[in-house]
N, C-alpha and C. Protein backbone atom coordinates (compact mmCIF):
# COMPACT_ATOMS: atom_id res chain seq x y z
N MET A 1 119.90 76.79 -100.35
CA MET A 1 120.59 76.50 -99.26
C MET A 1 120.71 77.67 -98.26
N VAL A 2 120.53 77.57 -97.27
CA VAL A 2 120.61 78.59 -96.07
C VAL A 2 122.26 79.21 -96.14
N ASP A 3 122.40 80.46 -96.05
CA ASP A 3 123.65 81.08 -95.99
C ASP A 3 124.12 81.52 -94.58
N LEU A 4 125.07 80.93 -94.11
CA LEU A 4 125.75 80.93 -92.67
C LEU A 4 126.69 82.12 -92.71
N TYR A 5 126.43 83.26 -92.18
CA TYR A 5 127.39 84.35 -92.23
C TYR A 5 128.62 84.23 -91.01
N PHE A 6 128.04 83.47 -90.02
CA PHE A 6 129.05 83.35 -88.92
C PHE A 6 128.44 81.85 -88.25
N ASP A 7 129.42 81.03 -88.04
CA ASP A 7 129.17 79.79 -87.36
C ASP A 7 130.44 79.14 -86.71
N GLU A 8 130.43 79.56 -85.33
CA GLU A 8 131.51 79.49 -84.34
C GLU A 8 130.93 78.71 -83.01
N ILE A 9 131.99 78.15 -82.42
CA ILE A 9 131.68 77.75 -81.22
C ILE A 9 132.36 79.03 -80.23
N ILE A 10 131.65 79.53 -79.37
CA ILE A 10 132.08 80.59 -78.57
C ILE A 10 132.10 80.26 -77.11
N GLU A 11 133.01 80.92 -76.43
CA GLU A 11 133.13 80.73 -75.03
C GLU A 11 132.79 81.95 -74.12
N VAL A 12 131.88 81.83 -73.16
CA VAL A 12 131.51 83.00 -72.52
C VAL A 12 132.63 83.25 -71.52
N VAL A 13 133.29 84.63 -71.60
CA VAL A 13 134.26 85.11 -70.75
C VAL A 13 133.77 85.88 -69.55
N LYS A 14 132.83 86.69 -69.80
CA LYS A 14 132.33 87.44 -68.66
C LYS A 14 130.99 87.83 -69.00
N ILE A 15 130.04 88.02 -67.81
CA ILE A 15 128.70 88.51 -67.84
C ILE A 15 128.58 89.82 -67.05
N ASP A 16 127.96 90.74 -67.73
CA ASP A 16 127.76 91.94 -67.09
C ASP A 16 126.13 92.06 -66.96
N SER A 17 125.56 92.07 -65.73
CA SER A 17 124.23 92.12 -65.52
C SER A 17 123.72 93.50 -64.94
N GLN A 18 124.56 94.45 -65.11
CA GLN A 18 124.38 95.68 -64.38
C GLN A 18 124.02 96.63 -65.55
N LEU A 19 123.20 96.34 -66.45
CA LEU A 19 122.77 97.08 -67.73
C LEU A 19 121.44 97.87 -67.26
N VAL A 20 121.07 98.50 -68.08
CA VAL A 20 119.60 99.28 -67.87
C VAL A 20 118.42 98.50 -67.67
N TYR A 21 118.34 97.53 -68.51
CA TYR A 21 117.10 96.63 -68.63
C TYR A 21 117.26 95.56 -67.42
N ASP A 22 116.01 95.30 -66.88
CA ASP A 22 115.99 94.08 -66.14
C ASP A 22 116.02 92.72 -66.84
N LYS A 23 116.66 91.65 -66.46
CA LYS A 23 116.75 90.33 -67.04
C LYS A 23 117.41 90.10 -68.18
N ILE A 24 118.10 91.46 -68.59
CA ILE A 24 119.20 91.45 -69.74
C ILE A 24 120.49 91.52 -69.23
N SER A 25 121.33 90.62 -69.82
CA SER A 25 122.93 90.66 -69.45
C SER A 25 123.49 90.94 -70.65
N ARG A 26 124.99 91.41 -70.49
CA ARG A 26 125.79 91.58 -71.73
C ARG A 26 126.65 90.51 -71.59
N ILE A 27 126.84 89.57 -72.48
CA ILE A 27 127.89 88.59 -72.65
C ILE A 27 128.89 88.85 -73.54
N ASN A 28 130.17 88.76 -72.59
CA ASN A 28 131.38 89.03 -73.53
C ASN A 28 131.97 87.59 -73.60
N ALA A 29 132.27 87.29 -75.02
CA ALA A 29 132.45 85.83 -75.53
C ALA A 29 133.68 85.98 -76.62
N LYS A 30 134.35 84.87 -76.70
CA LYS A 30 135.31 84.83 -77.75
C LYS A 30 135.40 83.49 -78.41
N SER A 31 135.51 83.38 -79.66
CA SER A 31 135.57 82.09 -80.56
C SER A 31 136.65 81.31 -79.88
N GLU A 32 136.55 79.95 -80.33
CA GLU A 32 137.53 78.99 -79.71
C GLU A 32 138.97 79.32 -80.22
N ASP A 33 139.11 79.68 -81.50
CA ASP A 33 140.22 79.98 -81.93
C ASP A 33 140.54 81.53 -81.89
N ASN A 34 140.08 82.12 -81.00
CA ASN A 34 140.32 83.66 -80.72
C ASN A 34 140.23 84.56 -82.03
N ASP A 35 139.56 84.21 -83.10
CA ASP A 35 139.54 84.85 -84.27
C ASP A 35 138.53 85.85 -84.04
N PHE A 36 137.55 85.60 -83.38
CA PHE A 36 136.35 86.72 -82.94
C PHE A 36 136.24 86.88 -81.42
N PHE A 37 135.78 88.29 -81.18
CA PHE A 37 135.60 88.60 -79.88
C PHE A 37 133.95 89.38 -80.15
N LEU A 38 132.97 89.16 -79.13
CA LEU A 38 131.80 89.62 -79.35
C LEU A 38 131.23 89.94 -77.88
N GLU A 39 130.16 90.91 -78.05
CA GLU A 39 129.42 91.50 -76.83
C GLU A 39 128.04 91.42 -77.43
N LEU A 40 127.35 90.57 -76.44
CA LEU A 40 126.01 90.13 -76.95
C LEU A 40 124.81 90.54 -75.80
N ASP A 41 123.66 91.29 -76.13
CA ASP A 41 122.91 91.35 -74.98
C ASP A 41 122.01 90.22 -74.99
N VAL A 42 121.64 89.37 -73.90
CA VAL A 42 120.82 88.32 -73.97
C VAL A 42 119.80 88.45 -72.79
N HIS A 43 118.55 87.88 -73.11
CA HIS A 43 117.50 87.99 -72.24
C HIS A 43 117.84 86.64 -71.22
N THR A 44 118.65 86.81 -70.31
CA THR A 44 119.23 85.78 -69.23
C THR A 44 118.10 84.99 -68.60
N GLU A 45 116.83 85.52 -68.44
CA GLU A 45 115.71 85.00 -67.54
C GLU A 45 115.22 83.92 -68.62
N LEU A 46 115.32 83.99 -69.95
CA LEU A 46 114.71 83.09 -70.99
C LEU A 46 115.85 82.09 -71.52
N TYR A 47 117.13 82.56 -71.34
CA TYR A 47 118.15 81.87 -71.90
C TYR A 47 119.40 82.16 -70.99
N PRO A 48 119.49 81.70 -69.85
CA PRO A 48 120.69 81.86 -68.90
C PRO A 48 122.01 81.13 -69.58
N MET A 49 122.99 82.06 -69.39
CA MET A 49 124.42 81.67 -70.09
C MET A 49 125.24 82.14 -68.79
N LEU A 50 126.36 81.21 -68.61
CA LEU A 50 127.39 81.31 -67.56
C LEU A 50 128.79 81.34 -68.11
N PRO A 51 129.57 82.04 -67.37
CA PRO A 51 131.05 82.16 -67.71
C PRO A 51 131.77 80.70 -68.05
N ASP A 52 132.50 80.54 -68.93
CA ASP A 52 133.38 79.25 -68.97
C ASP A 52 132.57 78.37 -69.85
N GLU A 53 131.21 78.67 -70.24
CA GLU A 53 130.30 77.69 -70.95
C GLU A 53 130.73 77.84 -72.44
N LYS A 54 130.31 77.04 -73.25
CA LYS A 54 130.61 77.12 -74.67
C LYS A 54 129.13 76.84 -75.32
N TYR A 55 128.86 77.73 -76.33
CA TYR A 55 127.89 77.83 -77.22
C TYR A 55 128.16 77.83 -78.62
N ARG A 56 127.35 77.12 -79.40
CA ARG A 56 127.34 77.44 -80.89
C ARG A 56 126.47 78.51 -81.32
N MET A 57 127.09 79.37 -82.06
CA MET A 57 126.47 80.77 -82.33
C MET A 57 126.36 80.75 -83.87
N VAL A 58 125.25 81.02 -84.50
CA VAL A 58 125.16 81.05 -86.01
C VAL A 58 124.41 82.42 -86.33
N ILE A 59 124.93 83.10 -87.35
CA ILE A 59 124.43 84.24 -87.79
C ILE A 59 123.76 83.89 -89.22
N SER A 60 122.60 84.00 -89.65
CA SER A 60 122.23 83.46 -90.96
C SER A 60 121.24 84.64 -91.56
N ASN A 61 121.16 84.57 -92.97
CA ASN A 61 120.18 85.34 -93.50
C ASN A 61 118.69 84.77 -93.73
N SER A 62 118.40 83.54 -93.21
CA SER A 62 117.24 82.84 -93.05
C SER A 62 117.19 81.84 -92.16
N LEU A 63 115.86 81.47 -91.90
CA LEU A 63 115.72 80.38 -90.97
C LEU A 63 115.45 79.09 -91.55
N LEU A 64 114.80 79.35 -93.03
CA LEU A 64 114.60 78.14 -93.86
C LEU A 64 115.82 77.54 -94.32
N MET A 65 115.70 76.19 -94.41
CA MET A 65 116.74 75.57 -94.73
C MET A 65 117.22 75.69 -96.36
N ASP A 66 116.08 76.05 -97.04
CA ASP A 66 116.41 76.21 -98.55
C ASP A 66 116.94 77.76 -98.71
N GLY A 67 116.95 78.55 -97.85
CA GLY A 67 117.45 79.95 -97.83
C GLY A 67 116.57 81.10 -98.24
N SER A 68 115.21 80.54 -98.49
CA SER A 68 114.22 81.46 -98.75
C SER A 68 113.63 82.45 -97.82
N THR A 69 113.23 83.61 -98.06
CA THR A 69 112.88 84.52 -97.00
C THR A 69 111.81 84.10 -96.19
N VAL A 70 111.93 84.29 -95.01
CA VAL A 70 110.78 83.87 -94.02
C VAL A 70 109.62 84.88 -93.88
N ALA A 71 108.33 84.23 -94.27
CA ALA A 71 107.07 85.00 -94.35
C ALA A 71 106.73 85.19 -93.00
N GLY A 72 105.44 85.96 -92.92
CA GLY A 72 104.95 86.12 -91.50
C GLY A 72 104.26 84.99 -90.96
N TYR A 73 103.88 83.99 -91.92
CA TYR A 73 103.39 82.75 -91.50
C TYR A 73 104.05 81.60 -92.29
N PHE A 74 103.84 80.23 -91.79
CA PHE A 74 104.30 79.23 -92.34
C PHE A 74 103.32 78.54 -93.14
N PRO A 75 103.48 78.08 -94.47
CA PRO A 75 102.37 77.47 -94.97
C PRO A 75 102.19 76.04 -94.63
N GLU A 76 101.18 75.35 -95.12
CA GLU A 76 100.82 74.05 -94.55
C GLU A 76 102.12 73.22 -94.84
N GLY A 77 102.31 72.07 -94.03
CA GLY A 77 103.59 71.41 -94.00
C GLY A 77 104.65 72.01 -93.55
N LYS A 78 104.51 72.50 -92.37
CA LYS A 78 105.80 73.41 -91.90
C LYS A 78 106.97 72.96 -92.61
N PRO A 79 107.79 73.89 -93.09
CA PRO A 79 109.17 73.63 -93.73
C PRO A 79 110.20 73.50 -92.48
N LYS A 80 111.21 72.65 -92.95
CA LYS A 80 112.23 72.62 -92.05
C LYS A 80 113.01 73.93 -91.60
N SER A 81 113.06 74.27 -90.36
CA SER A 81 113.72 75.47 -90.00
C SER A 81 115.09 75.20 -89.25
N LEU A 82 115.88 76.16 -89.39
CA LEU A 82 117.34 76.16 -88.81
C LEU A 82 117.14 76.29 -87.21
N ALA A 83 115.77 77.13 -86.94
CA ALA A 83 115.65 77.36 -85.47
C ALA A 83 115.36 76.17 -84.73
N ASP A 84 114.99 74.98 -85.48
CA ASP A 84 114.51 73.82 -84.66
C ASP A 84 115.63 73.13 -84.06
N LYS A 85 117.00 73.46 -84.73
CA LYS A 85 118.33 72.94 -84.02
C LYS A 85 118.73 73.88 -82.89
N PHE A 86 118.26 74.98 -82.65
CA PHE A 86 118.70 75.88 -81.65
C PHE A 86 117.68 76.15 -80.64
N GLU A 87 118.32 76.80 -79.33
CA GLU A 87 117.44 77.00 -78.25
C GLU A 87 117.12 78.52 -78.16
N TYR A 88 117.77 79.55 -78.70
CA TYR A 88 117.54 80.78 -78.53
C TYR A 88 117.73 81.38 -79.90
N VAL A 89 116.80 82.25 -80.48
CA VAL A 89 116.86 82.92 -81.76
C VAL A 89 116.19 84.26 -81.62
N MET A 90 117.01 85.05 -82.34
CA MET A 90 116.70 86.69 -82.40
C MET A 90 116.75 86.81 -83.90
N HIS A 91 115.84 87.91 -84.29
CA HIS A 91 115.86 88.59 -85.51
C HIS A 91 116.23 90.09 -85.31
N GLY A 92 117.25 90.45 -86.22
CA GLY A 92 117.77 91.83 -86.23
C GLY A 92 118.27 92.50 -87.49
N LEU A 93 118.63 93.68 -87.50
CA LEU A 93 119.24 94.27 -88.47
C LEU A 93 120.76 94.79 -88.28
N LEU A 94 121.44 94.43 -89.17
CA LEU A 94 122.94 94.85 -89.20
C LEU A 94 122.94 96.41 -89.63
N TYR A 95 123.29 97.39 -88.76
CA TYR A 95 123.02 98.76 -88.82
C TYR A 95 124.47 99.52 -89.16
N LYS A 96 125.35 98.95 -88.89
CA LYS A 96 126.85 99.55 -88.72
C LYS A 96 127.84 98.53 -88.74
N MET A 97 128.92 98.82 -89.74
CA MET A 97 130.09 98.26 -89.98
C MET A 97 131.25 99.22 -89.87
N ALA A 98 132.43 98.88 -89.15
CA ALA A 98 133.53 99.69 -88.95
C ALA A 98 134.71 99.02 -88.93
N GLU A 99 136.00 99.72 -89.25
CA GLU A 99 137.22 99.20 -89.06
C GLU A 99 137.95 99.59 -87.69
N ALA A 100 138.60 98.72 -87.27
CA ALA A 100 139.12 98.91 -85.91
C ALA A 100 140.64 98.48 -86.01
N LYS A 101 141.54 99.24 -85.44
CA LYS A 101 142.86 98.81 -85.37
C LYS A 101 143.19 98.34 -83.89
N GLU A 102 144.08 97.20 -83.76
CA GLU A 102 144.28 96.73 -82.44
C GLU A 102 145.77 96.59 -82.66
N LYS A 103 146.63 97.03 -81.44
CA LYS A 103 147.97 96.67 -81.21
C LYS A 103 148.12 95.34 -80.75
N THR A 104 148.90 94.47 -81.44
CA THR A 104 149.20 93.12 -80.97
C THR A 104 150.71 92.85 -81.14
N ALA A 105 151.43 92.66 -80.34
CA ALA A 105 152.88 92.52 -80.49
C ALA A 105 153.68 93.31 -81.38
N GLY A 106 153.29 94.59 -81.28
CA GLY A 106 154.07 95.73 -82.18
C GLY A 106 153.66 95.90 -83.45
N ASN A 107 152.38 94.94 -83.93
CA ASN A 107 151.71 95.06 -85.21
C ASN A 107 150.41 95.80 -85.12
N ASP A 108 149.93 96.28 -86.12
CA ASP A 108 148.57 96.86 -86.23
C ASP A 108 147.76 95.72 -86.86
N ASP A 109 146.99 95.27 -86.12
CA ASP A 109 146.03 94.26 -86.73
C ASP A 109 144.64 95.07 -86.93
N VAL A 110 144.23 94.76 -88.23
CA VAL A 110 142.97 95.53 -88.42
C VAL A 110 142.00 94.56 -88.30
N LYS A 111 140.90 94.77 -87.78
CA LYS A 111 139.45 94.07 -87.53
C LYS A 111 138.45 94.79 -88.03
N VAL A 112 137.21 93.86 -88.31
CA VAL A 112 136.12 94.60 -88.62
C VAL A 112 135.04 94.34 -87.68
N GLU A 113 134.42 95.53 -87.19
CA GLU A 113 133.18 95.55 -86.31
C GLU A 113 131.99 95.52 -86.79
N VAL A 114 131.06 94.56 -86.61
CA VAL A 114 129.83 94.53 -86.96
C VAL A 114 128.80 94.81 -85.86
N TYR A 115 127.81 95.72 -86.07
CA TYR A 115 127.00 95.93 -85.00
C TYR A 115 125.45 95.55 -85.67
N ILE A 116 124.80 94.76 -84.73
CA ILE A 116 123.41 94.42 -85.02
C ILE A 116 122.42 94.64 -84.02
N SER A 117 121.23 95.17 -84.32
CA SER A 117 120.36 95.60 -83.29
C SER A 117 119.13 94.54 -83.40
N PHE A 118 118.93 93.93 -82.35
CA PHE A 118 117.76 92.82 -82.09
C PHE A 118 116.72 93.51 -81.32
N GLY A 119 115.96 94.48 -81.78
CA GLY A 119 114.96 95.33 -81.19
C GLY A 119 115.48 95.84 -79.76
N GLY A 120 116.60 96.35 -79.80
CA GLY A 120 117.15 97.15 -78.76
C GLY A 120 118.26 96.20 -77.82
N LEU A 121 118.01 95.01 -78.11
CA LEU A 121 119.43 94.13 -77.64
C LEU A 121 120.44 94.24 -78.78
N GLN A 122 121.72 94.34 -78.25
CA GLN A 122 122.79 94.63 -79.34
C GLN A 122 123.70 93.37 -79.17
N LEU A 123 124.54 93.50 -80.49
CA LEU A 123 125.38 92.65 -80.74
C LEU A 123 126.78 93.32 -81.44
N LEU A 124 127.88 93.09 -80.81
CA LEU A 124 129.11 93.68 -81.34
C LEU A 124 129.89 92.48 -81.78
N LEU A 125 130.20 92.46 -82.80
CA LEU A 125 131.02 91.03 -83.41
C LEU A 125 132.42 91.83 -84.02
N LYS A 126 133.36 91.39 -83.55
CA LYS A 126 134.83 91.91 -83.87
C LYS A 126 135.66 90.87 -84.52
N GLY A 127 135.84 90.79 -85.76
CA GLY A 127 136.91 89.60 -86.07
C GLY A 127 137.64 90.16 -87.36
N ASN A 128 138.39 89.07 -87.93
CA ASN A 128 139.07 89.22 -89.31
C ASN A 128 138.29 89.68 -90.33
N PRO A 129 138.80 90.71 -91.16
CA PRO A 129 138.12 91.15 -92.27
C PRO A 129 137.88 89.86 -93.30
N LEU A 130 138.64 88.90 -93.42
CA LEU A 130 138.52 88.05 -94.54
C LEU A 130 137.43 87.04 -94.06
N LYS A 131 136.91 86.93 -92.73
CA LYS A 131 135.94 86.14 -92.48
C LYS A 131 134.61 86.76 -92.16
N MET A 132 134.55 88.03 -92.56
CA MET A 132 133.52 89.08 -92.28
C MET A 132 132.94 89.54 -93.63
N HIS A 133 133.14 89.07 -94.69
CA HIS A 133 132.94 89.54 -96.07
C HIS A 133 131.49 89.40 -96.53
N LYS A 134 130.73 88.44 -95.85
CA LYS A 134 129.31 88.28 -96.04
C LYS A 134 128.36 89.30 -95.57
N PHE A 135 128.78 90.14 -94.38
CA PHE A 135 128.06 91.04 -93.98
C PHE A 135 127.86 92.34 -94.54
N LYS A 136 126.76 92.92 -94.79
CA LYS A 136 126.22 94.20 -95.38
C LYS A 136 125.44 95.02 -94.49
N VAL A 137 125.70 96.30 -94.49
CA VAL A 137 124.90 97.31 -93.92
C VAL A 137 123.41 97.09 -94.23
N ASP A 138 122.47 97.25 -93.38
CA ASP A 138 120.95 97.09 -93.76
C ASP A 138 120.39 95.78 -94.05
N GLN A 139 121.26 94.80 -93.64
CA GLN A 139 120.96 93.40 -93.62
C GLN A 139 120.14 92.91 -92.69
N LYS A 140 119.12 92.16 -92.96
CA LYS A 140 118.35 91.47 -91.84
C LYS A 140 118.85 90.11 -91.66
N VAL A 141 119.17 89.91 -90.41
CA VAL A 141 119.80 88.43 -89.98
C VAL A 141 119.11 87.74 -88.85
N PHE A 142 119.39 86.64 -88.69
CA PHE A 142 118.84 85.80 -87.70
C PHE A 142 120.07 85.39 -86.63
N LEU A 143 120.19 85.48 -85.51
CA LEU A 143 121.15 84.94 -84.63
C LEU A 143 120.71 83.76 -83.70
N LEU A 144 121.42 82.59 -83.75
CA LEU A 144 120.93 81.37 -83.24
C LEU A 144 122.03 80.97 -82.31
N LEU A 145 121.47 80.45 -81.08
CA LEU A 145 122.46 80.04 -79.98
C LEU A 145 121.84 78.62 -79.48
N ARG A 146 122.89 77.74 -79.09
CA ARG A 146 122.67 76.56 -78.40
C ARG A 146 123.87 76.24 -77.65
N LYS A 147 123.69 75.56 -76.56
CA LYS A 147 124.76 75.17 -75.60
C LYS A 147 125.46 73.90 -76.28
N ASN A 148 126.66 74.18 -76.16
CA ASN A 148 127.66 73.01 -76.95
C ASN A 148 127.90 71.94 -76.12
């Protein structure tokens, strides 16, 4: 079975299109329950996203439903893919994890930050350490998005 590291409904809060690359925007979003905050670079000409819209975002170790490694080709009888259910898919490498402390109502909240590179496009995912335990440095992952 495919292992989902992250599976949440996110809401776009802000879009910054003033990045270095043409056609790339940085999406600031939060999960519905406010447990996660993320910054994601998206090729908005291929996949336009707008503020206040909601999307399902999944981060997985594989695209194949049985959880097996994706080869450079699909054998005959194309296997079912998680990507079939989504509109925008990226493959990347988790290159850094860090702890971050946030002050909220006088308390020091500890969050885990996960940094993933998708060939130059970046993701910063910040959330509760208990919900981030599946992530490991040097892990190859897939990010999948679809409008909710």
